[in-house]
Amino acid sequence: MRLDKFLKVSRIIKRRTIANEACDQGRVTANGNVAKASYDVKIGDVLELRFGEKIMRVEVLKVVEHVGKGDAAELYKVLP
């Protein structure tokens, strides 16, 4: 699954266009490397997102096309 779509489906970022822009601006890394929106997300990947001063690190646990609002948090684990 594309990185921008994963960020939207998992509800880490609300809209896919915003996720795409964050990737284009270099604010998203996958396993320590700057990732493009077309990056293929796999189970076990560590994603790091920068929102201004805040940095969010997550590990991908599942990759699914559709998920309900309540189950979105099961797709990833927030890392310290």
Protein backbone atom coordinates (compact mmCIF):
# COMPACT_ATOMS: atom_id res chain seq x y z
CA MET A 1 0.00 0.00 0.00
CA ARG A 2 1.23 3.51 -0.79
CA LEU A 3 2.50 5.53 2.15
CA ASP A 4 0.07 8.41 1.65
CA LYS A 5 -2.88 5.99 1.54
CA PHE A 6 -1.67 4.16 4.68
CA LEU A 7 -1.43 7.43 6.61
CA LYS A 8 -5.01 8.25 5.60
CA VAL A 9 -6.49 4.76 6.22
CA SER A 10 -4.79 4.53 9.63
CA ARG A 11 -6.08 8.03 10.41
CA ILE A 12 -2.62 9.28 11.39
CA ILE A 13 -3.26 12.09 8.88
CA LYS A 14 -6.84 13.09 8.13
CA ARG A 15 -6.68 13.55 4.35
CA ARG A 16 -4.65 11.79 1.66
CA THR A 17 -3.73 15.07 -0.05
CA ILE A 18 -2.26 16.37 3.21
CA ALA A 19 -0.36 13.09 3.65
CA ASN A 20 0.95 13.46 0.09
CA GLU A 21 2.11 17.04 0.78
CA ALA A 22 3.86 15.96 4.01
CA CYS A 23 5.78 13.31 2.05
CA ASP A 24 6.69 15.80 -0.70
CA GLN A 25 8.04 18.22 1.92
CA GLY A 26 10.27 15.52 3.43
CA ARG A 27 8.46 15.41 6.77
CA VAL A 28 7.93 11.62 6.65
CA THR A 29 10.66 9.00 6.94
CA ALA A 30 10.43 5.23 6.62
CA ASN A 31 13.12 3.18 8.39
CA GLY A 32 15.34 6.26 8.67
CA ASN A 33 15.11 7.33 5.00
CA VAL A 34 13.03 10.19 3.62
CA ALA A 35 10.02 8.53 1.98
CA LYS A 36 7.99 9.57 -1.02
CA ALA A 37 4.20 9.22 -1.09
CA SER A 38 4.57 6.22 -3.42
CA TYR A 39 6.70 4.27 -0.89
CA ASP A 40 5.32 0.72 -0.43
CA VAL A 41 4.47 0.31 3.28
CA LYS A 42 5.19 -3.12 4.76
CA ILE A 43 4.54 -4.71 8.15
CA GLY A 44 7.39 -3.87 10.52
CA ASP A 45 8.27 -0.52 8.92
CA VAL A 46 9.04 2.31 11.34
CA LEU A 47 7.56 5.60 10.17
CA GLU A 48 8.56 8.96 11.62
CA LEU A 49 6.37 12.02 11.02
CA ARG A 50 7.30 15.59 11.89
CA PHE A 51 4.50 18.03 12.69
CA GLY A 52 6.32 21.27 13.52
CA GLU A 53 8.14 20.62 16.83
CA LYS A 54 6.34 17.30 17.44
CA ILE A 55 7.79 14.03 16.17
CA MET A 56 5.63 10.91 16.00
CA ARG A 57 7.21 7.46 15.53
CA VAL A 58 5.00 4.49 14.70
CA GLU A 59 5.59 0.85 13.78
CA VAL A 60 3.31 -0.66 11.13
CA LEU A 61 1.46 -3.71 12.50
CA LYS A 62 -1.08 -4.35 9.70
CA VAL A 63 -1.65 -3.17 6.15
CA VAL A 64 -5.30 -3.33 5.02
CA GLU A 65 -7.22 -1.44 2.32
CA HIS A 66 -10.31 -0.61 4.41
CA VAL A 67 -10.72 -0.32 8.16
CA GLY A 68 -13.41 1.06 10.44
CA LYS A 69 -12.87 4.19 12.49
CA GLY A 70 -12.59 2.26 15.75
CA ASP A 71 -10.08 -0.25 14.39
CA ALA A 72 -7.71 2.25 12.73
CA ALA A 73 -5.41 2.42 15.76
CA GLU A 74 -4.75 -1.35 15.45
CA LEU A 75 -2.79 -0.75 12.22
CA TYR A 76 0.17 0.81 14.05
CA LYS A 77 1.91 1.06 17.42
CA VAL A 78 3.23 4.41 18.68
CA LEU A 79 6.90 4.19 19.64
CA PRO A 80 8.59 6.35 22.29
